[in-house]
Amino acid sequence: MNSPTTPAALAQEWDRLRAAFASSLMVETSLSSLAQNLDGLDWPLKSCAETPSAYLDFTYEELCLEFQARGHPDAAELLLQILRETLAFDQPFGEMVQQTEAFAERDNPHLRALARAGIPEDFPIALCALDAPARDLCLLEEIETLGQFALLAQRLSQGVIVGGDLKRLLNALANFDEKTLAELLPYRPGSSGLHLPESLAHAAASSEPVENTARAVAWFAEEFADWQREVKTDREFLPRQLSVLEDRAFADTITRLLIPHLGDYTTKPGRWSGLARWFKR
């Protein structure tokens, strides 16, 4: 491909090249070495400071003035040629590395286990029933989702010893232990995916019940919108949804936490539900 020759075209190409080279693995490589790797090129300025990074902040006009002042007026176009031809080799290699890394991530056994269980990778760590050490590690590593957690586990050295809920979750994913998954995530053994009632239960049992209830409602927003519609016409809808938890007292706690989100529909029993409770005495 022919290189541009007009000053305006050269300036435009320089802006493109310096932006691309800023993320290149060779940005701190000496220009003499880069030139030697290209047929017939020789960088005239010999110094360890002569690297692409030394010039990336220059505009093309400033670049030309710099080399003119140093007695090498042709060095500006030569620099463009070196960067242009180096990137021709560097970019395909970088793309190959990125593809390899992406493949390694998708080959993560913990991500495969999440997919098998129908558990979304973007589910928030904040809504998982993890102990303080596991939460502290996630906070330290800026881990916010289950997918990021799975990738963190892949990066951990074999020599790193983990315990508590961190180890339990990793083992549950590795062995597809549905019982343990249900203890740590709003997962229902024998089913697929995550469930709003179980998520509300985890939120109610957490150290931040009000905040995590709001987070659960927000994450299950589409399903919760159905709940908001149903409770307006069916007073027994919410008790039915929470009956899967098999803990009446705990369901009452969740109901109270939902009042800001569902309104007084959670607190006004219907006539028939009142009679049903009377007959159960």
C-alpha atoms as a PDB file:
ATOM      1  CA  MET A   1       0.000   0.000   0.000  1.00  0.00           C
ATOM      2  CA  ASN A   2       1.408   3.404  -0.971  1.00  0.00           C
ATOM      3  CA  SER A   3       2.003   5.799   1.894  1.00  0.00           C
ATOM      4  CA  PRO A   4       0.512   9.315   1.861  1.00  0.00           C
ATOM      5  CA  THR A   5       2.804  12.083   0.582  1.00  0.00           C
ATOM      6  CA  THR A   6       1.119  15.433   1.212  1.00  0.00           C
ATOM      7  CA  PRO A   7       1.803  17.159   4.558  1.00  0.00           C
ATOM      8  CA  ALA A   8      -1.883  16.975   5.506  1.00  0.00           C
ATOM      9  CA  ALA A   9      -2.059  13.273   4.671  1.00  0.00           C
ATOM     10  CA  LEU A  10       1.182  12.592   6.542  1.00  0.00           C
ATOM     11  CA  ALA A  11      -0.142  14.458   9.587  1.00  0.00           C
ATOM     12  CA  GLN A  12      -3.346  12.425   9.497  1.00  0.00           C
ATOM     13  CA  GLU A  13      -1.436   9.174   9.217  1.00  0.00           C
ATOM     14  CA  TRP A  14       0.897  10.197  12.054  1.00  0.00           C
ATOM     15  CA  ASP A  15      -2.084  10.739  14.365  1.00  0.00           C
ATOM     16  CA  ARG A  16      -3.416   7.286  13.471  1.00  0.00           C
ATOM     17  CA  LEU A  17      -0.031   5.605  13.911  1.00  0.00           C
ATOM     18  CA  ARG A  18       0.850   7.200  17.233  1.00  0.00           C
ATOM     19  CA  ALA A  19      -2.575   6.330  18.661  1.00  0.00           C
ATOM     20  CA  ALA A  20      -2.199   2.712  17.539  1.00  0.00           C
ATOM     21  CA  PHE A  21       1.409   2.429  18.694  1.00  0.00           C
ATOM     22  CA  ALA A  22       0.581   3.699  22.180  1.00  0.00           C
ATOM     23  CA  SER A  23      -0.805   0.241  23.026  1.00  0.00           C
ATOM     24  CA  SER A  24       1.868  -1.702  21.120  1.00  0.00           C
ATOM     25  CA  LEU A  25       4.166  -4.080  22.959  1.00  0.00           C
ATOM     26  CA  MET A  26       7.054  -2.380  21.137  1.00  0.00           C
ATOM     27  CA  VAL A  27       6.427   1.191  22.241  1.00  0.00           C
ATOM     28  CA  GLU A  28       9.623   1.185  24.355  1.00  0.00           C
ATOM     29  CA  THR A  29      11.753  -0.725  21.827  1.00  0.00           C
ATOM     30  CA  SER A  30      14.644   1.246  20.329  1.00  0.00           C
ATOM     31  CA  LEU A  31      13.950   2.686  16.887  1.00  0.00           C
ATOM     32  CA  SER A  32      17.305   1.336  15.694  1.00  0.00           C
ATOM     33  CA  SER A  33      16.183  -2.200  16.560  1.00  0.00           C
ATOM     34  CA  LEU A  34      12.810  -1.716  14.915  1.00  0.00           C
ATOM     35  CA  ALA A  35      14.484  -0.348  11.768  1.00  0.00           C
ATOM     36  CA  GLN A  36      16.908  -3.300  11.641  1.00  0.00           C
ATOM     37  CA  ASN A  37      13.941  -5.671  11.597  1.00  0.00           C
ATOM     38  CA  LEU A  38      12.697  -3.960   8.433  1.00  0.00           C
ATOM     39  CA  ASP A  39      14.465  -4.354   5.108  1.00  0.00           C
ATOM     40  CA  GLY A  40      16.763  -1.485   4.118  1.00  0.00           C
ATOM     41  CA  LEU A  41      15.929   0.919   6.937  1.00  0.00           C
ATOM     42  CA  ASP A  42      18.331   2.577   9.379  1.00  0.00           C
ATOM     43  CA  TRP A  43      17.426   5.000  12.158  1.00  0.00           C
ATOM     44  CA  PRO A  44      19.971   7.859  12.079  1.00  0.00           C
ATOM     45  CA  LEU A  45      19.797   8.879  15.753  1.00  0.00           C
ATOM     46  CA  LYS A  46      21.685   6.476  18.018  1.00  0.00           C
ATOM     47  CA  SER A  47      20.560   6.686  21.632  1.00  0.00           C
ATOM     48  CA  CYS A  48      18.790   4.444  24.133  1.00  0.00           C
ATOM     49  CA  ALA A  49      16.220   7.224  24.473  1.00  0.00           C
ATOM     50  CA  GLU A  50      15.265   6.882  20.789  1.00  0.00           C
ATOM     51  CA  THR A  51      12.070   4.854  21.152  1.00  0.00           C
ATOM     52  CA  PRO A  52       8.575   5.379  19.683  1.00  0.00           C
ATOM     53  CA  SER A  53       7.321   6.562  23.075  1.00  0.00           C
ATOM     54  CA  ALA A  54       9.722   9.532  22.907  1.00  0.00           C
ATOM     55  CA  TYR A  55       7.735  11.016  20.012  1.00  0.00           C
ATOM     56  CA  LEU A  56       4.106   9.971  20.544  1.00  0.00           C
ATOM     57  CA  ASP A  57       3.139  13.282  22.188  1.00  0.00           C
ATOM     58  CA  PHE A  58       4.359  15.314  19.190  1.00  0.00           C
ATOM     59  CA  THR A  59       2.032  16.584  16.492  1.00  0.00           C
ATOM     60  CA  TYR A  60       3.323  15.952  12.979  1.00  0.00           C
ATOM     61  CA  GLU A  61       4.330  19.614  12.628  1.00  0.00           C
ATOM     62  CA  GLU A  62       6.215  19.463  15.921  1.00  0.00           C
ATOM     63  CA  LEU A  63       7.844  16.223  14.806  1.00  0.00           C
ATOM     64  CA  CYS A  64       9.172  17.830  11.619  1.00  0.00           C
ATOM     65  CA  LEU A  65      10.483  20.855  13.504  1.00  0.00           C
ATOM     66  CA  GLU A  66      12.191  18.606  16.062  1.00  0.00           C
ATOM     67  CA  PHE A  67      14.088  16.611  13.448  1.00  0.00           C
ATOM     68  CA  GLN A  68      14.964  19.712  11.404  1.00  0.00           C
ATOM     69  CA  ALA A  69      16.499  21.286  14.504  1.00  0.00           C
ATOM     70  CA  ARG A  70      18.554  18.134  15.067  1.00  0.00           C
ATOM     71  CA  GLY A  71      19.823  18.059  11.485  1.00  0.00           C
ATOM     72  CA  HIS A  72      17.714  15.118  10.258  1.00  0.00           C
ATOM     73  CA  PRO A  73      14.796  16.629   8.299  1.00  0.00           C
ATOM     74  CA  ASP A  74      13.954  13.289   6.632  1.00  0.00           C
ATOM     75  CA  ALA A  75      13.606  11.466   9.972  1.00  0.00           C
ATOM     76  CA  ALA A  76       9.924  12.387  10.373  1.00  0.00           C
ATOM     77  CA  GLU A  77       8.821  10.445   7.292  1.00  0.00           C
ATOM     78  CA  LEU A  78      11.241   7.653   8.193  1.00  0.00           C
ATOM     79  CA  LEU A  79       9.654   7.383  11.652  1.00  0.00           C
ATOM     80  CA  LEU A  80       6.225   7.045  10.071  1.00  0.00           C
ATOM     81  CA  GLN A  81       7.522   4.293   7.806  1.00  0.00           C
ATOM     82  CA  ILE A  82       9.070   2.388  10.731  1.00  0.00           C
ATOM     83  CA  LEU A  83       5.894   2.581  12.797  1.00  0.00           C
ATOM     84  CA  ARG A  84       3.690   1.760   9.807  1.00  0.00           C
ATOM     85  CA  GLU A  85       5.637  -1.373   8.847  1.00  0.00           C
ATOM     86  CA  THR A  86       6.150  -2.479  12.451  1.00  0.00           C
ATOM     87  CA  LEU A  87       2.422  -2.281  13.134  1.00  0.00           C
ATOM     88  CA  ALA A  88       1.802  -4.427  10.072  1.00  0.00           C
ATOM     89  CA  PHE A  89       3.527  -7.250  11.960  1.00  0.00           C
ATOM     90  CA  ASP A  90       2.605  -6.240  15.488  1.00  0.00           C
ATOM     91  CA  GLN A  91      -1.181  -5.981  15.105  1.00  0.00           C
ATOM     92  CA  PRO A  92      -1.833  -9.490  13.735  1.00  0.00           C
ATOM     93  CA  PHE A  93       0.273 -10.874  16.593  1.00  0.00           C
ATOM     94  CA  GLY A  94      -1.670  -8.813  19.131  1.00  0.00           C
ATOM     95  CA  GLU A  95      -4.964 -10.013  17.680  1.00  0.00           C
ATOM     96  CA  MET A  96      -3.751 -13.605  17.928  1.00  0.00           C
ATOM     97  CA  VAL A  97      -2.836 -13.102  21.609  1.00  0.00           C
ATOM     98  CA  GLN A  98      -6.244 -11.591  22.328  1.00  0.00           C
ATOM     99  CA  GLN A  99      -8.007 -14.482  20.602  1.00  0.00           C
ATOM    100  CA  THR A 100      -5.947 -16.991  22.594  1.00  0.00           C
ATOM    101  CA  GLU A 101      -6.772 -15.229  25.864  1.00  0.00           C
ATOM    102  CA  ALA A 102     -10.445 -15.083  24.946  1.00  0.00           C
ATOM    103  CA  PHE A 103     -10.462 -18.804  24.179  1.00  0.00           C
ATOM    104  CA  ALA A 104      -8.765 -19.557  27.513  1.00  0.00           C
ATOM    105  CA  GLU A 105     -11.421 -17.551  29.341  1.00  0.00           C
ATOM    106  CA  ARG A 106     -14.287 -19.343  27.620  1.00  0.00           C
ATOM    107  CA  ASP A 107     -12.627 -22.683  28.406  1.00  0.00           C
ATOM    108  CA  ASN A 108     -12.877 -21.846  32.116  1.00  0.00           C
ATOM    109  CA  PRO A 109     -14.498 -24.851  33.899  1.00  0.00           C
ATOM    110  CA  HIS A 110     -16.287 -22.573  36.376  1.00  0.00           C
ATOM    111  CA  LEU A 111     -17.867 -20.580  33.545  1.00  0.00           C
ATOM    112  CA  ARG A 112     -18.967 -23.855  31.963  1.00  0.00           C
ATOM    113  CA  ALA A 113     -20.555 -24.886  35.271  1.00  0.00           C
ATOM    114  CA  LEU A 114     -22.442 -21.580  35.467  1.00  0.00           C
ATOM    115  CA  ALA A 115     -23.719 -22.121  31.936  1.00  0.00           C
ATOM    116  CA  ARG A 116     -24.736 -25.686  32.766  1.00  0.00           C
ATOM    117  CA  ALA A 117     -26.807 -24.433  35.709  1.00  0.00           C
ATOM    118  CA  GLY A 118     -28.273 -21.593  33.664  1.00  0.00           C
ATOM    119  CA  ILE A 119     -26.706 -19.074  36.056  1.00  0.00           C
ATOM    120  CA  PRO A 120     -25.975 -15.711  34.392  1.00  0.00           C
ATOM    121  CA  GLU A 121     -22.351 -14.595  34.573  1.00  0.00           C
ATOM    122  CA  ASP A 122     -23.406 -11.023  35.335  1.00  0.00           C
ATOM    123  CA  PHE A 123     -25.163 -11.924  38.593  1.00  0.00           C
ATOM    124  CA  PRO A 124     -23.810  -9.587  41.326  1.00  0.00           C
ATOM    125  CA  ILE A 125     -21.463 -10.956  43.962  1.00  0.00           C
ATOM    126  CA  ALA A 126     -23.235  -8.615  46.411  1.00  0.00           C
ATOM    127  CA  LEU A 127     -26.334 -10.850  46.155  1.00  0.00           C
ATOM    128  CA  CYS A 128     -24.432 -14.067  46.897  1.00  0.00           C
ATOM    129  CA  ALA A 129     -24.412 -15.465  50.450  1.00  0.00           C
ATOM    130  CA  LEU A 130     -20.641 -15.344  50.891  1.00  0.00           C
ATOM    131  CA  ASP A 131     -18.708 -14.905  54.119  1.00  0.00           C
ATOM    132  CA  ALA A 132     -16.636 -11.821  54.941  1.00  0.00           C
ATOM    133  CA  PRO A 133     -13.238 -13.182  53.721  1.00  0.00           C
ATOM    134  CA  ALA A 134     -14.707 -14.052  50.314  1.00  0.00           C
ATOM    135  CA  ARG A 135     -16.355 -10.642  50.045  1.00  0.00           C
ATOM    136  CA  ASP A 136     -13.143  -8.904  51.098  1.00  0.00           C
ATOM    137  CA  LEU A 137     -11.181 -10.743  48.392  1.00  0.00           C
ATOM    138  CA  CYS A 138     -13.756  -9.805  45.757  1.00  0.00           C
ATOM    139  CA  LEU A 139     -13.639  -6.178  46.899  1.00  0.00           C
ATOM    140  CA  LEU A 140      -9.831  -6.180  46.806  1.00  0.00           C
ATOM    141  CA  GLU A 141      -9.772  -7.673  43.301  1.00  0.00           C
ATOM    142  CA  GLU A 142     -12.694  -5.485  42.114  1.00  0.00           C
ATOM    143  CA  ILE A 143     -14.803  -8.561  41.414  1.00  0.00           C
ATOM    144  CA  GLU A 144     -18.460  -7.604  41.000  1.00  0.00           C
ATOM    145  CA  THR A 145     -20.047 -10.552  39.153  1.00  0.00           C
ATOM    146  CA  LEU A 146     -19.994 -14.346  39.188  1.00  0.00           C
ATOM    147  CA  GLY A 147     -18.331 -14.375  35.770  1.00  0.00           C
ATOM    148  CA  GLN A 148     -15.493 -12.195  37.040  1.00  0.00           C
ATOM    149  CA  PHE A 149     -15.252 -14.455  40.087  1.00  0.00           C
ATOM    150  CA  ALA A 150     -14.813 -17.503  37.834  1.00  0.00           C
ATOM    151  CA  LEU A 151     -12.027 -15.766  35.915  1.00  0.00           C
ATOM    152  CA  LEU A 152     -10.351 -14.772  39.186  1.00  0.00           C
ATOM    153  CA  ALA A 153     -10.313 -18.421  40.232  1.00  0.00           C
ATOM    154  CA  GLN A 154      -8.596 -19.274  36.948  1.00  0.00           C
ATOM    155  CA  ARG A 155      -5.894 -16.672  37.610  1.00  0.00           C
ATOM    156  CA  LEU A 156      -5.162 -17.789  41.161  1.00  0.00           C
ATOM    157  CA  SER A 157      -1.878 -19.607  41.543  1.00  0.00           C
ATOM    158  CA  GLN A 158      -2.042 -23.299  42.348  1.00  0.00           C
ATOM    159  CA  GLY A 159      -0.120 -22.449  45.519  1.00  0.00           C
ATOM    160  CA  VAL A 160      -2.794 -20.052  46.791  1.00  0.00           C
ATOM    161  CA  ILE A 161      -4.811 -21.639  49.593  1.00  0.00           C
ATOM    162  CA  VAL A 162      -8.435 -20.535  49.814  1.00  0.00           C
ATOM    163  CA  GLY A 163     -11.021 -21.456  52.389  1.00  0.00           C
ATOM    164  CA  GLY A 164     -14.476 -20.632  53.653  1.00  0.00           C
ATOM    165  CA  ASP A 165     -17.223 -19.774  51.205  1.00  0.00           C
ATOM    166  CA  LEU A 166     -14.687 -19.021  48.489  1.00  0.00           C
ATOM    167  CA  LYS A 167     -13.573 -22.645  48.523  1.00  0.00           C
ATOM    168  CA  ARG A 168     -17.156 -23.889  48.889  1.00  0.00           C
ATOM    169  CA  LEU A 169     -18.339 -21.981  45.826  1.00  0.00           C
ATOM    170  CA  LEU A 170     -15.378 -23.081  43.711  1.00  0.00           C
ATOM    171  CA  ASN A 171     -15.895 -26.719  44.742  1.00  0.00           C
ATOM    172  CA  ALA A 172     -19.648 -26.477  44.159  1.00  0.00           C
ATOM    173  CA  LEU A 173     -19.067 -25.209  40.631  1.00  0.00           C
ATOM    174  CA  ALA A 174     -16.333 -27.761  39.944  1.00  0.00           C
ATOM    175  CA  ASN A 175     -18.477 -30.687  41.170  1.00  0.00           C
ATOM    176  CA  PHE A 176     -21.863 -29.204  40.269  1.00  0.00           C
ATOM    177  CA  ASP A 177     -23.020 -29.511  43.870  1.00  0.00           C
ATOM    178  CA  GLU A 178     -26.557 -28.142  43.637  1.00  0.00           C
ATOM    179  CA  LYS A 179     -27.156 -28.175  47.398  1.00  0.00           C
ATOM    180  CA  THR A 180     -24.133 -25.960  48.096  1.00  0.00           C
ATOM    181  CA  LEU A 181     -24.943 -23.749  45.115  1.00  0.00           C
ATOM    182  CA  ALA A 182     -28.404 -23.180  46.618  1.00  0.00           C
ATOM    183  CA  GLU A 183     -26.819 -22.198  49.946  1.00  0.00           C
ATOM    184  CA  LEU A 184     -24.590 -19.585  48.333  1.00  0.00           C
ATOM    185  CA  LEU A 185     -26.680 -18.433  45.348  1.00  0.00           C
ATOM    186  CA  PRO A 186     -30.420 -17.983  44.720  1.00  0.00           C
ATOM    187  CA  TYR A 187     -30.373 -21.316  42.924  1.00  0.00           C
ATOM    188  CA  ARG A 188     -33.079 -23.967  43.215  1.00  0.00           C
ATOM    189  CA  PRO A 189     -31.833 -27.592  43.049  1.00  0.00           C
ATOM    190  CA  GLY A 190     -33.392 -29.516  40.207  1.00  0.00           C
ATOM    191  CA  SER A 191     -34.162 -26.381  38.222  1.00  0.00           C
ATOM    192  CA  SER A 192     -32.223 -23.978  36.044  1.00  0.00           C
ATOM    193  CA  GLY A 193     -31.298 -20.359  36.508  1.00  0.00           C
ATOM    194  CA  LEU A 194     -31.655 -18.048  39.477  1.00  0.00           C
ATOM    195  CA  HIS A 195     -34.872 -17.240  41.308  1.00  0.00           C
ATOM    196  CA  LEU A 196     -36.300 -14.086  42.813  1.00  0.00           C
ATOM    197  CA  PRO A 197     -37.775 -15.628  46.014  1.00  0.00           C
ATOM    198  CA  GLU A 198     -34.451 -17.242  46.899  1.00  0.00           C
ATOM    199  CA  SER A 199     -32.615 -14.020  46.101  1.00  0.00           C
ATOM    200  CA  LEU A 200     -34.932 -12.119  48.444  1.00  0.00           C
ATOM    201  CA  ALA A 201     -34.271 -14.755  51.115  1.00  0.00           C
ATOM    202  CA  HIS A 202     -30.512 -14.318  50.774  1.00  0.00           C
ATOM    203  CA  ALA A 203     -30.986 -10.544  50.929  1.00  0.00           C
ATOM    204  CA  ALA A 204     -33.127 -10.753  54.078  1.00  0.00           C
ATOM    205  CA  ALA A 205     -30.524 -12.954  55.790  1.00  0.00           C
ATOM    206  CA  SER A 206     -27.603 -10.702  54.832  1.00  0.00           C
ATOM    207  CA  SER A 207     -25.907  -7.999  56.897  1.00  0.00           C
ATOM    208  CA  GLU A 208     -27.559  -5.376  54.652  1.00  0.00           C
ATOM    209  CA  PRO A 209     -31.146  -6.631  54.234  1.00  0.00           C
ATOM    210  CA  VAL A 210     -32.688  -3.348  53.084  1.00  0.00           C
ATOM    211  CA  GLU A 211     -29.927  -2.554  50.583  1.00  0.00           C
ATOM    212  CA  ASN A 212     -29.709  -6.098  49.215  1.00  0.00           C
ATOM    213  CA  THR A 213     -33.480  -6.375  48.885  1.00  0.00           C
ATOM    214  CA  ALA A 214     -33.353  -3.281  46.687  1.00  0.00           C
ATOM    215  CA  ARG A 215     -30.475  -4.814  44.691  1.00  0.00           C
ATOM    216  CA  ALA A 216     -32.401  -8.070  44.214  1.00  0.00           C
ATOM    217  CA  VAL A 217     -35.522  -6.215  43.075  1.00  0.00           C
ATOM    218  CA  ALA A 218     -33.424  -4.221  40.617  1.00  0.00           C
ATOM    219  CA  TRP A 219     -31.623  -7.259  39.186  1.00  0.00           C
ATOM    220  CA  PHE A 220     -34.887  -9.216  38.747  1.00  0.00           C
ATOM    221  CA  ALA A 221     -36.631  -6.045  37.516  1.00  0.00           C
ATOM    222  CA  GLU A 222     -38.638  -7.672  34.716  1.00  0.00           C
ATOM    223  CA  GLU A 223     -39.954 -10.478  36.929  1.00  0.00           C
ATOM    224  CA  PHE A 224     -40.585  -8.086  39.812  1.00  0.00           C
ATOM    225  CA  ALA A 225     -42.662  -5.867  37.535  1.00  0.00           C
ATOM    226  CA  ASP A 226     -44.985  -8.878  37.126  1.00  0.00           C
ATOM    227  CA  TRP A 227     -45.148  -9.201  40.904  1.00  0.00           C
ATOM    228  CA  GLN A 228     -46.124  -5.552  41.226  1.00  0.00           C
ATOM    229  CA  ARG A 229     -49.001  -6.068  38.807  1.00  0.00           C
ATOM    230  CA  GLU A 230     -50.186  -9.342  40.351  1.00  0.00           C
ATOM    231  CA  VAL A 231     -50.315  -8.210  43.992  1.00  0.00           C
ATOM    232  CA  LYS A 232     -52.768  -5.449  43.067  1.00  0.00           C
ATOM    233  CA  THR A 233     -55.458  -7.986  42.177  1.00  0.00           C
ATOM    234  CA  ASP A 234     -54.380 -11.124  44.012  1.00  0.00           C
ATOM    235  CA  ARG A 235     -53.718 -10.789  47.745  1.00  0.00           C
ATOM    236  CA  GLU A 236     -52.381 -14.329  47.929  1.00  0.00           C
ATOM    237  CA  PHE A 237     -49.897 -13.907  45.106  1.00  0.00           C
ATOM    238  CA  LEU A 238     -46.959 -12.870  47.304  1.00  0.00           C
ATOM    239  CA  PRO A 239     -47.493 -15.619  49.921  1.00  0.00           C
ATOM    240  CA  ARG A 240     -47.623 -18.180  47.101  1.00  0.00           C
ATOM    241  CA  GLN A 241     -44.349 -16.928  45.634  1.00  0.00           C
ATOM    242  CA  LEU A 242     -42.645 -17.046  49.031  1.00  0.00           C
ATOM    243  CA  SER A 243     -44.102 -20.430  49.991  1.00  0.00           C
ATOM    244  CA  VAL A 244     -41.184 -22.144  48.218  1.00  0.00           C
ATOM    245  CA  LEU A 245     -38.999 -20.957  51.102  1.00  0.00           C
ATOM    246  CA  GLU A 246     -40.946 -23.181  53.557  1.00  0.00           C
ATOM    247  CA  ASP A 247     -40.400 -20.721  56.424  1.00  0.00           C
ATOM    248  CA  ARG A 248     -43.440 -18.620  57.324  1.00  0.00           C
ATOM    249  CA  ALA A 249     -41.597 -16.343  59.777  1.00  0.00           C
ATOM    250  CA  PHE A 250     -38.830 -15.689  57.276  1.00  0.00           C
ATOM    251  CA  ALA A 251     -41.419 -15.037  54.541  1.00  0.00           C
ATOM    252  CA  ASP A 252     -42.983 -12.411  56.817  1.00  0.00           C
ATOM    253  CA  THR A 253     -39.577 -10.725  57.174  1.00  0.00           C
ATOM    254  CA  ILE A 254     -39.202 -10.629  53.389  1.00  0.00           C
ATOM    255  CA  THR A 255     -42.730  -9.263  53.053  1.00  0.00           C
ATOM    256  CA  ARG A 256     -41.889  -6.367  55.358  1.00  0.00           C
ATOM    257  CA  LEU A 257     -38.717  -5.638  53.376  1.00  0.00           C
ATOM    258  CA  LEU A 258     -40.798  -5.513  50.187  1.00  0.00           C
ATOM    259  CA  ILE A 259     -43.223  -2.873  51.464  1.00  0.00           C
ATOM    260  CA  PRO A 260     -41.211   0.033  49.921  1.00  0.00           C
ATOM    261  CA  HIS A 261     -41.260  -1.794  46.589  1.00  0.00           C
ATOM    262  CA  LEU A 262     -44.795  -3.245  46.542  1.00  0.00           C
ATOM    263  CA  GLY A 263     -46.629  -0.771  48.731  1.00  0.00           C
ATOM    264  CA  ASP A 264     -49.421  -1.605  51.169  1.00  0.00           C
ATOM    265  CA  TYR A 265     -50.539  -4.554  49.020  1.00  0.00           C
ATOM    266  CA  THR A 266     -48.153  -6.622  51.128  1.00  0.00           C
ATOM    267  CA  THR A 267     -49.786  -5.681  54.420  1.00  0.00           C
ATOM    268  CA  LYS A 268     -53.565  -5.733  53.799  1.00  0.00           C
ATOM    269  CA  PRO A 269     -54.844  -9.329  53.917  1.00  0.00           C
ATOM    270  CA  GLY A 270     -57.861 -10.218  51.881  1.00  0.00           C
ATOM    271  CA  ARG A 271     -61.046 -11.503  53.505  1.00  0.00           C
ATOM    272  CA  TRP A 272     -60.445 -15.101  52.465  1.00  0.00           C
ATOM    273  CA  SER A 273     -56.809 -15.142  53.528  1.00  0.00           C
ATOM    274  CA  GLY A 274     -57.924 -13.917  56.990  1.00  0.00           C
ATOM    275  CA  LEU A 275     -60.445 -16.759  57.250  1.00  0.00           C
ATOM    276  CA  ALA A 276     -57.829 -19.253  56.091  1.00  0.00           C
ATOM    277  CA  ARG A 277     -55.492 -18.191  58.879  1.00  0.00           C
ATOM    278  CA  TRP A 278     -58.384 -18.448  61.434  1.00  0.00           C
ATOM    279  CA  PHE A 279     -59.178 -22.055  60.392  1.00  0.00           C
ATOM    280  CA  LYS A 280     -55.492 -23.024  60.712  1.00  0.00           C
ATOM    281  CA  ARG A 281     -55.443 -22.078  64.405  1.00  0.00           C
END
